[in-house]
Amino acid sequence: MLRALINAGKRGFSSIDNPAPRVSHYVYKLRSFGFSIETQYEPHGGDYPGVHALYRLHSEIQVLEGQAA
């Protein structure tokens, strides 16, 4: 989830465009670790109209490639 937020940048990440289970839970967990993540609710139409969440990462992140997980 953190990688998806980093890749999404300012446009944000939404499960409406990238279906994935438990997106809101992963965001909740990241917030519990201290990451600043904005939630914006947006309406959508289609077969199942309603609202969906758009998440934007506001914390500055430095990714250290090649580091052990």
PDB file of N, CA and C in Angstrom:
ATOM      1  N   MET A   1       0.825  -1.182   0.000  1.00  0.00           N
ATOM      2  CA  MET A   1       0.000   0.000   0.000  1.00  0.00           C
ATOM      3  C   MET A   1       0.868   1.243   0.000  1.00  0.00           C
ATOM      4  N   LEU A   2       1.927   1.225   0.791  1.00  0.00           N
ATOM      5  CA  LEU A   2       2.821   2.382   0.811  1.00  0.00           C
ATOM      6  C   LEU A   2       3.434   2.607  -0.564  1.00  0.00           C
ATOM      7  N   ARG A   3       3.850   1.555  -1.208  1.00  0.00           N
ATOM      8  CA  ARG A   3       4.428   1.683  -2.558  1.00  0.00           C
ATOM      9  C   ARG A   3       3.371   2.236  -3.529  1.00  0.00           C
ATOM     10  N   ALA A   4       2.131   1.790  -3.427  1.00  0.00           N
ATOM     11  CA  ALA A   4       1.060   2.292  -4.305  1.00  0.00           C
ATOM     12  C   ALA A   4       0.840   3.783  -4.080  1.00  0.00           C
ATOM     13  N   LEU A   5       0.873   4.231  -2.823  1.00  0.00           N
ATOM     14  CA  LEU A   5       0.706   5.656  -2.520  1.00  0.00           C
ATOM     15  C   LEU A   5       1.882   6.475  -3.048  1.00  0.00           C
ATOM     16  N   ILE A   6       3.077   5.946  -2.906  1.00  0.00           N
ATOM     17  CA  ILE A   6       4.266   6.637  -3.420  1.00  0.00           C
ATOM     18  C   ILE A   6       4.163   6.768  -4.935  1.00  0.00           C
ATOM     19  N   ASN A   7       3.820   5.668  -5.614  1.00  0.00           N
ATOM     20  CA  ASN A   7       3.715   5.684  -7.075  1.00  0.00           C
ATOM     21  C   ASN A   7       2.604   6.602  -7.567  1.00  0.00           C
ATOM     22  N   ALA A   8       1.516   6.708  -6.809  1.00  0.00           N
ATOM     23  CA  ALA A   8       0.379   7.540  -7.217  1.00  0.00           C
ATOM     24  C   ALA A   8       0.703   9.027  -7.134  1.00  0.00           C
ATOM     25  N   GLY A   9       1.587   9.410  -6.244  1.00  0.00           N
ATOM     26  CA  GLY A   9       1.968  10.811  -6.114  1.00  0.00           C
ATOM     27  C   GLY A   9       0.788  11.704  -5.761  1.00  0.00           C
ATOM     28  N   LYS A  10       0.772  12.904  -6.335  1.00  0.00           N
ATOM     29  CA  LYS A  10      -0.257  13.885  -6.007  1.00  0.00           C
ATOM     30  C   LYS A  10      -1.643  13.506  -6.510  1.00  0.00           C
ATOM     31  N   ARG A  11      -1.725  12.647  -7.528  1.00  0.00           N
ATOM     32  CA  ARG A  11      -3.045  12.285  -8.041  1.00  0.00           C
ATOM     33  C   ARG A  11      -3.782  11.371  -7.077  1.00  0.00           C
ATOM     34  N   GLY A  12      -3.049  10.659  -6.228  1.00  0.00           N
ATOM     35  CA  GLY A  12      -3.669   9.816  -5.220  1.00  0.00           C
ATOM     36  C   GLY A  12      -3.975   8.415  -5.708  1.00  0.00           C
ATOM     37  N   PHE A  13      -4.346   7.569  -4.772  1.00  0.00           N
ATOM     38  CA  PHE A  13      -4.641   6.156  -5.037  1.00  0.00           C
ATOM     39  C   PHE A  13      -6.071   5.870  -4.627  1.00  0.00           C
ATOM     40  N   SER A  14      -6.798   5.162  -5.469  1.00  0.00           N
ATOM     41  CA  SER A  14      -8.170   4.785  -5.165  1.00  0.00           C
ATOM     42  C   SER A  14      -8.397   3.343  -5.579  1.00  0.00           C
ATOM     43  N   SER A  15      -9.118   2.610  -4.758  1.00  0.00           N
ATOM     44  CA  SER A  15      -9.416   1.226  -5.122  1.00  0.00           C
ATOM     45  C   SER A  15     -10.444   1.148  -6.250  1.00  0.00           C
ATOM     46  N   ILE A  16     -11.078   2.253  -6.606  1.00  0.00           N
ATOM     47  CA  ILE A  16     -12.008   2.251  -7.746  1.00  0.00           C
ATOM     48  C   ILE A  16     -11.221   2.031  -9.054  1.00  0.00           C
ATOM     49  N   ASP A  17      -9.972   2.539  -9.099  1.00  0.00           N
ATOM     50  CA  ASP A  17      -9.117   2.362 -10.273  1.00  0.00           C
ATOM     51  C   ASP A  17      -8.234   1.134 -10.158  1.00  0.00           C
ATOM     52  N   ASN A  18      -7.901   0.769  -8.941  1.00  0.00           N
ATOM     53  CA  ASN A  18      -7.006  -0.356  -8.685  1.00  0.00           C
ATOM     54  C   ASN A  18      -7.632  -1.245  -7.615  1.00  0.00           C
ATOM     55  N   PRO A  19      -8.604  -2.094  -7.993  1.00  0.00           N
ATOM     56  CA  PRO A  19      -9.282  -2.911  -6.987  1.00  0.00           C
ATOM     57  C   PRO A  19      -8.315  -3.774  -6.192  1.00  0.00           C
ATOM     58  N   ALA A  20      -8.440  -3.680  -4.908  1.00  0.00           N
ATOM     59  CA  ALA A  20      -7.608  -4.471  -4.006  1.00  0.00           C
ATOM     60  C   ALA A  20      -8.364  -4.628  -2.695  1.00  0.00           C
ATOM     61  N   PRO A  21      -8.240  -5.765  -2.071  1.00  0.00           N
ATOM     62  CA  PRO A  21      -8.931  -5.939  -0.797  1.00  0.00           C
ATOM     63  C   PRO A  21      -8.260  -5.146   0.318  1.00  0.00           C
ATOM     64  N   ARG A  22      -9.052  -4.693   1.260  1.00  0.00           N
ATOM     65  CA  ARG A  22      -8.577  -4.113   2.507  1.00  0.00           C
ATOM     66  C   ARG A  22      -7.755  -2.829   2.362  1.00  0.00           C
ATOM     67  N   VAL A  23      -7.956  -2.061   1.302  1.00  0.00           N
ATOM     68  CA  VAL A  23      -7.200  -0.825   1.102  1.00  0.00           C
ATOM     69  C   VAL A  23      -7.342   0.082   2.311  1.00  0.00           C
ATOM     70  N   SER A  24      -8.566   0.272   2.809  1.00  0.00           N
ATOM     71  CA  SER A  24      -8.772   1.170   3.941  1.00  0.00           C
ATOM     72  C   SER A  24      -8.046   0.669   5.187  1.00  0.00           C
ATOM     73  N   HIS A  25      -7.964  -0.637   5.364  1.00  0.00           N
ATOM     74  CA  HIS A  25      -7.244  -1.179   6.518  1.00  0.00           C
ATOM     75  C   HIS A  25      -5.741  -0.915   6.400  1.00  0.00           C
ATOM     76  N   TYR A  26      -5.203  -1.093   5.200  1.00  0.00           N
ATOM     77  CA  TYR A  26      -3.776  -0.829   5.003  1.00  0.00           C
ATOM     78  C   TYR A  26      -3.465   0.640   5.253  1.00  0.00           C
ATOM     79  N   VAL A  27      -4.353   1.539   4.826  1.00  0.00           N
ATOM     80  CA  VAL A  27      -4.174   2.970   5.084  1.00  0.00           C
ATOM     81  C   VAL A  27      -4.234   3.227   6.588  1.00  0.00           C
ATOM     82  N   TYR A  28      -5.187   2.591   7.271  1.00  0.00           N
ATOM     83  CA  TYR A  28      -5.309   2.708   8.723  1.00  0.00           C
ATOM     84  C   TYR A  28      -4.001   2.291   9.406  1.00  0.00           C
ATOM     85  N   LYS A  29      -3.442   1.168   8.985  1.00  0.00           N
ATOM     86  CA  LYS A  29      -2.191   0.682   9.579  1.00  0.00           C
ATOM     87  C   LYS A  29      -1.040   1.654   9.317  1.00  0.00           C
ATOM     88  N   LEU A  30      -0.950   2.182   8.090  1.00  0.00           N
ATOM     89  CA  LEU A  30       0.106   3.144   7.778  1.00  0.00           C
ATOM     90  C   LEU A  30      -0.030   4.391   8.648  1.00  0.00           C
ATOM     91  N   ARG A  31      -1.264   4.854   8.846  1.00  0.00           N
ATOM     92  CA  ARG A  31      -1.479   6.006   9.723  1.00  0.00           C
ATOM     93  C   ARG A  31      -1.046   5.693  11.141  1.00  0.00           C
ATOM     94  N   SER A  32      -1.259   4.464  11.610  1.00  0.00           N
ATOM     95  CA  SER A  32      -0.845   4.093  12.974  1.00  0.00           C
ATOM     96  C   SER A  32       0.675   4.098  13.118  1.00  0.00           C
ATOM     97  N   PHE A  33       1.391   3.972  12.000  1.00  0.00           N
ATOM     98  CA  PHE A  33       2.855   4.055  12.010  1.00  0.00           C
ATOM     99  C   PHE A  33       3.344   5.489  11.892  1.00  0.00           C
ATOM    100  N   GLY A  34       2.412   6.442  11.738  1.00  0.00           N
ATOM    101  CA  GLY A  34       2.778   7.853  11.706  1.00  0.00           C
ATOM    102  C   GLY A  34       2.762   8.511  10.349  1.00  0.00           C
ATOM    103  N   PHE A  35       2.367   7.790   9.301  1.00  0.00           N
ATOM    104  CA  PHE A  35       2.305   8.393   7.967  1.00  0.00           C
ATOM    105  C   PHE A  35       1.098   9.316   7.864  1.00  0.00           C
ATOM    106  N   SER A  36       1.284  10.446   7.199  1.00  0.00           N
ATOM    107  CA  SER A  36       0.203  11.400   6.980  1.00  0.00           C
ATOM    108  C   SER A  36      -0.456  11.077   5.646  1.00  0.00           C
ATOM    109  N   ILE A  37      -1.710  10.609   5.710  1.00  0.00           N
ATOM    110  CA  ILE A  37      -2.443  10.204   4.512  1.00  0.00           C
ATOM    111  C   ILE A  37      -3.803  10.887   4.530  1.00  0.00           C
ATOM    112  N   GLU A  38      -4.082  11.637   3.474  1.00  0.00           N
ATOM    113  CA  GLU A  38      -5.356  12.331   3.326  1.00  0.00           C
ATOM    114  C   GLU A  38      -6.374  11.401   2.680  1.00  0.00           C
ATOM    115  N   THR A  39      -7.627  11.509   3.117  1.00  0.00           N
ATOM    116  CA  THR A  39      -8.732  10.788   2.488  1.00  0.00           C
ATOM    117  C   THR A  39      -9.694  11.802   1.906  1.00  0.00           C
ATOM    118  N   GLN A  40      -9.989  11.661   0.625  1.00  0.00           N
ATOM    119  CA  GLN A  40     -10.969  12.509  -0.045  1.00  0.00           C
ATOM    120  C   GLN A  40     -12.025  11.573  -0.631  1.00  0.00           C
ATOM    121  N   TYR A  41     -13.296  11.871  -0.359  1.00  0.00           N
ATOM    122  CA  TYR A  41     -14.379  11.031  -0.872  1.00  0.00           C
ATOM    123  C   TYR A  41     -14.917  11.619  -2.163  1.00  0.00           C
ATOM    124  N   GLU A  42     -15.087  10.756  -3.176  1.00  0.00           N
ATOM    125  CA  GLU A  42     -15.539  11.192  -4.491  1.00  0.00           C
ATOM    126  C   GLU A  42     -16.711  10.326  -4.943  1.00  0.00           C
ATOM    127  N   PRO A  43     -17.713  10.938  -5.572  1.00  0.00           N
ATOM    128  CA  PRO A  43     -18.838  10.151  -6.085  1.00  0.00           C
ATOM    129  C   PRO A  43     -18.445   9.412  -7.371  1.00  0.00           C
ATOM    130  N   HIS A  44     -19.100   8.309  -7.623  1.00  0.00           N
ATOM    131  CA  HIS A  44     -18.901   7.589  -8.879  1.00  0.00           C
ATOM    132  C   HIS A  44     -20.235   6.985  -9.320  1.00  0.00           C
ATOM    133  N   GLY A  45     -20.368   6.788 -10.618  1.00  0.00           N
ATOM    134  CA  GLY A  45     -21.567   6.188 -11.195  1.00  0.00           C
ATOM    135  C   GLY A  45     -21.321   4.734 -11.509  1.00  0.00           C
ATOM    136  N   GLY A  46     -21.897   4.278 -12.581  1.00  0.00           N
ATOM    137  CA  GLY A  46     -21.706   2.899 -13.012  1.00  0.00           C
ATOM    138  C   GLY A  46     -22.784   1.984 -12.478  1.00  0.00           C
ATOM    139  N   ASP A  47     -22.522   0.688 -12.533  1.00  0.00           N
ATOM    140  CA  ASP A  47     -23.488  -0.311 -12.083  1.00  0.00           C
ATOM    141  C   ASP A  47     -23.770  -0.216 -10.581  1.00  0.00           C
ATOM    142  N   TYR A  48     -22.793   0.215  -9.810  1.00  0.00           N
ATOM    143  CA  TYR A  48     -22.923   0.327  -8.356  1.00  0.00           C
ATOM    144  C   TYR A  48     -22.529   1.734  -7.930  1.00  0.00           C
ATOM    145  N   PRO A  49     -23.387   2.734  -8.182  1.00  0.00           N
ATOM    146  CA  PRO A  49     -23.027   4.116  -7.866  1.00  0.00           C
ATOM    147  C   PRO A  49     -22.903   4.337  -6.354  1.00  0.00           C
ATOM    148  N   GLY A  50     -22.089   5.301  -6.013  1.00  0.00           N
ATOM    149  CA  GLY A  50     -21.879   5.635  -4.609  1.00  0.00           C
ATOM    150  C   GLY A  50     -20.696   6.567  -4.475  1.00  0.00           C
ATOM    151  N   VAL A  51     -19.910   6.375  -3.432  1.00  0.00           N
ATOM    152  CA  VAL A  51     -18.696   7.160  -3.228  1.00  0.00           C
ATOM    153  C   VAL A  51     -17.528   6.206  -2.996  1.00  0.00           C
ATOM    154  N   HIS A  52     -16.358   6.681  -3.309  1.00  0.00           N
ATOM    155  CA  HIS A  52     -15.140   5.921  -3.045  1.00  0.00           C
ATOM    156  C   HIS A  52     -14.111   6.868  -2.446  1.00  0.00           C
ATOM    157  N   ALA A  53     -13.127   6.301  -1.783  1.00  0.00           N
ATOM    158  CA  ALA A  53     -12.078   7.096  -1.153  1.00  0.00           C
ATOM    159  C   ALA A  53     -10.880   7.221  -2.084  1.00  0.00           C
ATOM    160  N   LEU A  54     -10.309   8.403  -2.087  1.00  0.00           N
ATOM    161  CA  LEU A  54      -9.062   8.681  -2.793  1.00  0.00           C
ATOM    162  C   LEU A  54      -8.042   9.035  -1.723  1.00  0.00           C
ATOM    163  N   TYR A  55      -6.934   8.314  -1.677  1.00  0.00           N
ATOM    164  CA  TYR A  55      -5.919   8.506  -0.646  1.00  0.00           C
ATOM    165  C   TYR A  55      -4.693   9.185  -1.234  1.00  0.00           C
ATOM    166  N   ARG A  56      -4.168  10.169  -0.492  1.00  0.00           N
ATOM    167  CA  ARG A  56      -2.943  10.865  -0.896  1.00  0.00           C
ATOM    168  C   ARG A  56      -1.956  10.856   0.265  1.00  0.00           C
ATOM    169  N   LEU A  57      -0.742  10.470  -0.033  1.00  0.00           N
ATOM    170  CA  LEU A  57       0.330  10.458   0.953  1.00  0.00           C
ATOM    171  C   LEU A  57       0.925  11.854   1.066  1.00  0.00           C
ATOM    172  N   HIS A  58       1.003  12.380   2.283  1.00  0.00           N
ATOM    173  CA  HIS A  58       1.579  13.699   2.501  1.00  0.00           C
ATOM    174  C   HIS A  58       2.915  13.631   3.245  1.00  0.00           C
ATOM    175  N   SER A  59       3.284  12.480   3.758  1.00  0.00           N
ATOM    176  CA  SER A  59       4.579  12.322   4.421  1.00  0.00           C
ATOM    177  C   SER A  59       5.683  12.265   3.379  1.00  0.00           C
ATOM    178  N   GLU A  60       6.815  12.848   3.709  1.00  0.00           N
ATOM    179  CA  GLU A  60       7.972  12.729   2.818  1.00  0.00           C
ATOM    180  C   GLU A  60       8.617  11.374   3.058  1.00  0.00           C
ATOM    181  N   ILE A  61       8.845  10.655   1.970  1.00  0.00           N
ATOM    182  CA  ILE A  61       9.371   9.298   2.044  1.00  0.00           C
ATOM    183  C   ILE A  61      10.649   9.208   1.238  1.00  0.00           C
ATOM    184  N   GLN A  62      11.631   8.530   1.786  1.00  0.00           N
ATOM    185  CA  GLN A  62      12.846   8.230   1.034  1.00  0.00           C
ATOM    186  C   GLN A  62      12.954   6.706   0.938  1.00  0.00           C
ATOM    187  N   VAL A  63      12.882   6.176  -0.281  1.00  0.00           N
ATOM    188  CA  VAL A  63      12.947   4.747  -0.505  1.00  0.00           C
ATOM    189  C   VAL A  63      14.398   4.358  -0.712  1.00  0.00           C
ATOM    190  N   LEU A  64      14.844   3.411   0.100  1.00  0.00           N
ATOM    191  CA  LEU A  64      16.212   2.922   0.001  1.00  0.00           C
ATOM    192  C   LEU A  64      16.167   1.591  -0.744  1.00  0.00           C
ATOM    193  N   GLU A  65      16.417   1.621  -2.044  1.00  0.00           N
ATOM    194  CA  GLU A  65      16.363   0.410  -2.861  1.00  0.00           C
ATOM    195  C   GLU A  65      17.491  -0.545  -2.461  1.00  0.00           C
ATOM    196  N   GLY A  66      17.170  -1.825  -2.533  1.00  0.00           N
ATOM    197  CA  GLY A  66      18.195  -2.837  -2.258  1.00  0.00           C
ATOM    198  C   GLY A  66      18.375  -3.130  -0.791  1.00  0.00           C
ATOM    199  N   GLN A  67      17.598  -2.493   0.085  1.00  0.00           N
ATOM    200  CA  GLN A  67      17.711  -2.765   1.510  1.00  0.00           C
ATOM    201  C   GLN A  67      16.903  -4.018   1.839  1.00  0.00           C
ATOM    202  N   ALA A  68      17.313  -4.743   2.853  1.00  0.00           N
ATOM    203  CA  ALA A  68      16.576  -5.928   3.278  1.00  0.00           C
ATOM    204  C   ALA A  68      15.193  -5.516   3.773  1.00  0.00           C
ATOM    205  N   ALA A  69      14.211  -6.336   3.458  1.00  0.00           N
ATOM    206  CA  ALA A  69      12.826  -6.038   3.871  1.00  0.00           C
ATOM    207  C   ALA A  69      12.658  -6.197   5.358  1.00  0.00           C
TER     208      ALA A  69
END
